[in-house]
Amino acid sequence: AFRVRAHSAFLVVAGLVLLSWVGVVLFDLIRLFGGPERPLWEQLFHNNRPAEWMQWTLLLAGAVASAFLSARLTGRPARFFFLMAFGMGLMFLEDTSDLRHVLYWEYWTPRAGFEMFGIPTRVVSDSIYFSLIASVPVYAFLRYARTTWHCRATRNYMLAGFGLYGFAAGASAVRHLGDMYIKVGRFIDENLFFSRWPSAEWITQERAWFYVMDSLIEESVELLGVACLIAMILSYAAYHRRNNESAGS
């Protein structure tokens, strides 16, 4: 697995995301051949659809690869990749279980209602939840990441991956603040999609605007983010292998 080139792994995922967007543009917005019976965005990007399946696979593969790489290293780089393995494992569990929804309905709502201090309780609970999940990779980044920065590719993919996931998690945490996702989705539809974003049969147009952000954009950003983290691991593995080969020659 470590013989896979970092750039190749990233480009494969980025290419699949781009192809999915091209399909959404052609069939959902331009409505080529009249468009599919069910919107393509729903079939590709909605909950428990191919975009999420790919993300789960990459998160799990990244956690395993990072753990193996940690076992081959020593010192601070080993600690960094060990913590990243643990963090990606937590991200995998969060994404596959949606535990935050259970905590919100079973713990937060019965105790705090639907609003706290003028803020939707959902925003408070999701912010705390995502902060706890993010604490492991953020600690790894702040404490140990600089020891891997002498590999430029690793540094670049690391910064991109953390930035993309930070954006996705931050936006998701506050999406119910003032119906932010609905307003942003409507703005995108009316100004970029020319009001052609299709609604699925089971939701209203307003809810479909919500899924512009929650499905199409958020899932795409997360896929690119995890692709960057995979490339970060592969690039440092290649760097470590080259150093070992140079030392042995």
Protein backbone atom coordinates (compact mmCIF):
# COMPACT_ATOMS: atom_id res chain seq x y z
CA ALA A 1 0.00 0.00 0.00
CA PHE A 2 2.86 2.41 0.80
CA ARG A 3 4.13 1.98 -2.77
CA VAL A 4 1.12 3.91 -4.09
CA ARG A 5 2.15 7.42 -5.09
CA ALA A 6 0.64 10.17 -2.96
CA HIS A 7 -0.24 12.35 -5.95
CA SER A 8 -1.85 9.41 -7.76
CA ALA A 9 -4.06 8.57 -4.75
CA PHE A 10 -5.18 12.18 -4.44
CA LEU A 11 -5.82 12.62 -8.16
CA VAL A 12 -7.95 9.46 -8.33
CA VAL A 13 -10.26 10.72 -5.58
CA ALA A 14 -10.30 14.28 -6.95
CA GLY A 15 -11.09 12.89 -10.41
CA LEU A 16 -14.04 10.89 -9.09
CA VAL A 17 -15.38 13.95 -7.28
CA LEU A 18 -15.02 16.00 -10.47
CA LEU A 19 -16.79 13.34 -12.55
CA SER A 20 -19.64 13.27 -10.01
CA TRP A 21 -20.00 17.04 -10.26
CA VAL A 22 -19.98 16.85 -14.06
CA GLY A 23 -22.79 14.29 -13.84
CA VAL A 24 -24.81 16.51 -11.50
CA VAL A 25 -24.36 19.48 -13.83
CA LEU A 26 -25.33 17.49 -16.93
CA PHE A 27 -28.29 15.56 -15.54
CA ASP A 28 -29.63 17.70 -12.66
CA LEU A 29 -28.93 21.24 -13.89
CA ILE A 30 -28.77 21.03 -17.69
CA ARG A 31 -31.13 18.03 -17.52
CA LEU A 32 -29.59 16.13 -20.37
CA PHE A 33 -32.12 13.64 -21.85
CA GLY A 34 -34.69 15.08 -19.43
CA GLY A 35 -32.67 14.11 -16.36
CA PRO A 36 -32.99 10.97 -14.20
CA GLU A 37 -36.19 10.10 -12.32
CA ARG A 38 -34.36 10.68 -9.04
CA PRO A 39 -31.88 13.58 -8.88
CA LEU A 40 -28.33 12.40 -9.43
CA TRP A 41 -27.12 14.46 -6.46
CA GLU A 42 -29.36 12.35 -4.21
CA GLN A 43 -28.08 9.09 -5.69
CA LEU A 44 -24.42 10.08 -5.33
CA PHE A 45 -24.07 12.48 -2.40
CA HIS A 46 -26.98 11.96 -0.01
CA ASN A 47 -26.72 9.97 3.24
CA ASN A 48 -25.49 6.39 2.82
CA ARG A 49 -24.67 6.87 -0.84
CA PRO A 50 -21.44 6.32 -2.85
CA ALA A 51 -19.76 9.56 -1.69
CA GLU A 52 -20.13 8.51 1.95
CA TRP A 53 -19.13 4.91 1.23
CA MET A 54 -15.93 6.12 -0.38
CA GLN A 55 -15.20 8.43 2.52
CA TRP A 56 -15.71 5.61 5.04
CA THR A 57 -13.39 3.34 3.06
CA LEU A 58 -10.68 6.00 2.82
CA LEU A 59 -10.92 6.95 6.50
CA LEU A 60 -10.57 3.33 7.58
CA ALA A 61 -7.72 2.71 5.11
CA GLY A 62 -6.02 5.91 6.28
CA ALA A 63 -6.29 4.92 9.93
CA VAL A 64 -4.75 1.51 9.24
CA ALA A 65 -1.99 2.94 7.01
CA SER A 66 -1.16 5.65 9.54
CA ALA A 67 -0.92 3.07 12.33
CA PHE A 68 1.43 0.89 10.25
CA LEU A 69 3.57 3.89 9.35
CA SER A 70 3.75 4.90 13.01
CA ALA A 71 5.11 1.44 13.84
CA ARG A 72 7.94 1.94 11.33
CA LEU A 73 8.95 5.36 12.67
CA THR A 74 10.46 6.59 15.91
CA GLY A 75 10.17 9.71 18.00
CA ARG A 76 7.77 12.55 17.28
CA PRO A 77 6.83 11.51 13.72
CA ALA A 78 5.75 8.11 15.10
CA ARG A 79 3.58 9.85 17.69
CA PHE A 80 2.07 12.12 15.07
CA PHE A 81 0.99 9.27 12.81
CA PHE A 82 -0.21 7.19 15.77
CA LEU A 83 -2.48 10.04 16.87
CA MET A 84 -3.62 10.55 13.29
CA ALA A 85 -4.54 6.87 13.09
CA PHE A 86 -6.60 7.24 16.27
CA GLY A 87 -8.16 10.48 15.03
CA MET A 88 -9.12 9.03 11.65
CA GLY A 89 -10.59 6.04 13.46
CA LEU A 90 -12.77 8.39 15.50
CA MET A 91 -13.78 10.22 12.32
CA PHE A 92 -14.73 6.89 10.74
CA LEU A 93 -16.88 5.93 13.74
CA GLU A 94 -18.55 9.33 13.80
CA ASP A 95 -19.34 9.29 10.10
CA THR A 96 -20.71 5.74 10.07
CA SER A 97 -22.73 5.95 13.28
CA ASP A 98 -24.00 9.57 13.29
CA LEU A 99 -23.74 9.41 17.07
CA ARG A 100 -24.20 13.17 17.32
CA HIS A 101 -27.84 12.81 16.25
CA VAL A 102 -28.47 10.22 18.97
CA LEU A 103 -26.83 12.44 21.60
CA TYR A 104 -28.85 15.43 20.46
CA TRP A 105 -32.24 13.71 20.64
CA GLU A 106 -31.57 11.44 23.61
CA TYR A 107 -29.42 13.70 25.82
CA TRP A 108 -29.46 17.37 24.85
CA THR A 109 -33.08 17.96 23.84
CA PRO A 110 -34.73 16.37 26.94
CA ARG A 111 -32.49 18.50 29.21
CA ALA A 112 -32.12 21.78 27.35
CA GLY A 113 -35.00 21.92 24.90
CA PHE A 114 -34.47 23.24 21.42
CA GLU A 115 -32.72 26.49 22.36
CA MET A 116 -29.96 27.53 24.78
CA PHE A 117 -29.05 31.17 25.42
CA GLY A 118 -30.81 32.18 22.23
CA ILE A 119 -28.83 29.63 20.18
CA PRO A 120 -30.30 26.41 18.75
CA THR A 121 -29.36 23.53 21.02
CA ARG A 122 -28.33 21.60 17.91
CA VAL A 123 -25.56 24.15 17.27
CA VAL A 124 -24.27 23.85 20.84
CA SER A 125 -24.34 20.05 20.90
CA ASP A 126 -22.77 19.65 17.43
CA SER A 127 -20.06 22.20 18.21
CA ILE A 128 -19.06 20.39 21.39
CA TYR A 129 -19.21 17.01 19.67
CA PHE A 130 -17.09 18.02 16.68
CA SER A 131 -14.62 19.80 18.95
CA LEU A 132 -14.06 16.59 20.91
CA ILE A 133 -13.57 14.56 17.72
CA ALA A 134 -11.20 17.17 16.31
CA SER A 135 -9.17 17.46 19.51
CA VAL A 136 -7.05 14.37 18.68
CA PRO A 137 -5.86 15.38 15.17
CA VAL A 138 -5.56 19.03 16.23
CA TYR A 139 -3.35 18.03 19.17
CA ALA A 140 -1.27 15.84 16.85
CA PHE A 141 -0.92 18.77 14.44
CA LEU A 142 0.05 21.34 17.07
CA ARG A 143 2.37 19.06 19.05
CA TYR A 144 4.12 16.87 16.48
CA ALA A 145 3.33 17.92 12.90
CA ARG A 146 6.35 20.20 12.46
CA THR A 147 8.66 17.21 12.78
CA THR A 148 7.31 15.94 9.43
CA TRP A 149 7.41 19.29 7.59
CA HIS A 150 10.84 18.76 6.05
CA CYS A 151 8.94 16.64 3.50
CA ARG A 152 7.24 19.36 1.44
CA ALA A 153 4.58 17.09 -0.07
CA THR A 154 3.62 15.86 3.40
CA ARG A 155 3.38 19.43 4.67
CA ASN A 156 1.25 20.61 1.76
CA TYR A 157 -1.17 17.69 1.91
CA MET A 158 -1.37 18.00 5.69
CA LEU A 159 -2.29 21.70 5.58
CA ALA A 160 -4.82 21.10 2.80
CA GLY A 161 -6.39 18.12 4.58
CA PHE A 162 -6.70 19.87 7.92
CA GLY A 163 -8.04 22.99 6.23
CA LEU A 164 -10.70 21.13 4.26
CA TYR A 165 -11.85 19.07 7.22
CA GLY A 166 -11.80 22.14 9.45
CA PHE A 167 -14.07 23.96 7.01
CA ALA A 168 -16.44 20.98 6.69
CA ALA A 169 -16.67 20.35 10.44
CA GLY A 170 -17.05 24.04 11.31
CA ALA A 171 -19.76 24.60 8.72
CA SER A 172 -21.60 21.42 9.77
CA ALA A 173 -21.51 22.43 13.43
CA VAL A 174 -23.27 25.76 12.79
CA ARG A 175 -25.49 24.75 9.87
CA HIS A 176 -28.68 25.21 11.92
CA LEU A 177 -27.69 28.70 13.07
CA GLY A 178 -30.21 30.94 11.35
CA ASP A 179 -30.97 28.18 8.82
CA MET A 180 -27.52 28.89 7.37
CA TYR A 181 -27.37 25.86 5.05
CA ILE A 182 -30.80 26.61 3.58
CA LYS A 183 -29.90 30.26 2.92
CA VAL A 184 -26.49 29.47 1.43
CA GLY A 185 -27.95 26.62 -0.64
CA ARG A 186 -30.68 28.90 -1.98
CA PHE A 187 -28.12 31.58 -2.83
CA ILE A 188 -26.00 29.04 -4.72
CA ASP A 189 -29.04 27.67 -6.56
CA GLU A 190 -30.38 31.07 -7.58
CA ASN A 191 -27.03 32.66 -8.50
CA LEU A 192 -24.89 29.76 -9.74
CA PHE A 193 -27.35 27.01 -10.68
CA PHE A 194 -29.93 29.41 -12.22
CA SER A 195 -32.68 28.00 -9.96
CA ARG A 196 -32.42 24.55 -11.54
CA TRP A 197 -31.43 22.54 -8.44
CA PRO A 198 -33.98 19.68 -8.37
CA SER A 199 -35.88 18.57 -5.29
CA ALA A 200 -36.28 14.85 -4.54
CA GLU A 201 -39.81 13.49 -4.24
CA TRP A 202 -39.62 13.12 -0.46
CA ILE A 203 -38.48 16.68 0.40
CA THR A 204 -39.53 20.28 -0.19
CA GLN A 205 -37.51 22.69 -2.32
CA GLU A 206 -36.34 24.41 0.86
CA ARG A 207 -34.95 21.13 2.16
CA ALA A 208 -33.35 20.50 -1.22
CA TRP A 209 -31.47 23.81 -0.81
CA PHE A 210 -30.22 22.51 2.53
CA TYR A 211 -28.75 19.50 0.74
CA VAL A 212 -26.81 21.68 -1.70
CA MET A 213 -24.53 22.29 1.27
CA ASP A 214 -25.11 19.19 3.41
CA SER A 215 -24.72 16.68 0.59
CA LEU A 216 -23.12 18.04 -2.59
CA ILE A 217 -20.61 20.50 -1.13
CA GLU A 218 -19.92 19.05 2.31
CA GLU A 219 -19.40 15.49 1.06
CA SER A 220 -17.15 16.72 -1.75
CA VAL A 221 -15.02 18.78 0.65
CA GLU A 222 -14.72 15.85 3.06
CA LEU A 223 -13.72 13.48 0.26
CA LEU A 224 -11.00 15.87 -0.89
CA GLY A 225 -9.94 16.29 2.75
CA VAL A 226 -9.54 12.58 3.39
CA ALA A 227 -7.75 12.21 0.04
CA CYS A 228 -5.25 14.81 1.26
CA LEU A 229 -4.75 12.92 4.53
CA ILE A 230 -4.16 9.67 2.63
CA ALA A 231 -1.66 11.46 0.39
CA MET A 232 0.01 12.94 3.48
CA ILE A 233 0.58 9.44 4.88
CA LEU A 234 1.80 8.02 1.57
CA SER A 235 4.15 10.94 0.91
CA TYR A 236 5.83 10.62 4.29
CA ALA A 237 6.08 6.84 3.89
CA ALA A 238 7.87 7.40 0.56
CA TYR A 239 10.15 10.00 2.17
CA HIS A 240 11.01 7.62 5.01
CA ARG A 241 11.67 4.78 2.54
CA ARG A 242 14.00 6.95 0.44
CA ASN A 243 15.95 7.98 3.54
CA ASN A 244 16.36 4.35 4.59
CA GLU A 245 17.50 3.32 1.13
CA SER A 246 20.02 6.19 1.03
CA ALA A 247 21.36 5.28 4.46
CA GLY A 248 21.72 1.63 3.46
CA SER A 249 23.57 2.35 0.23
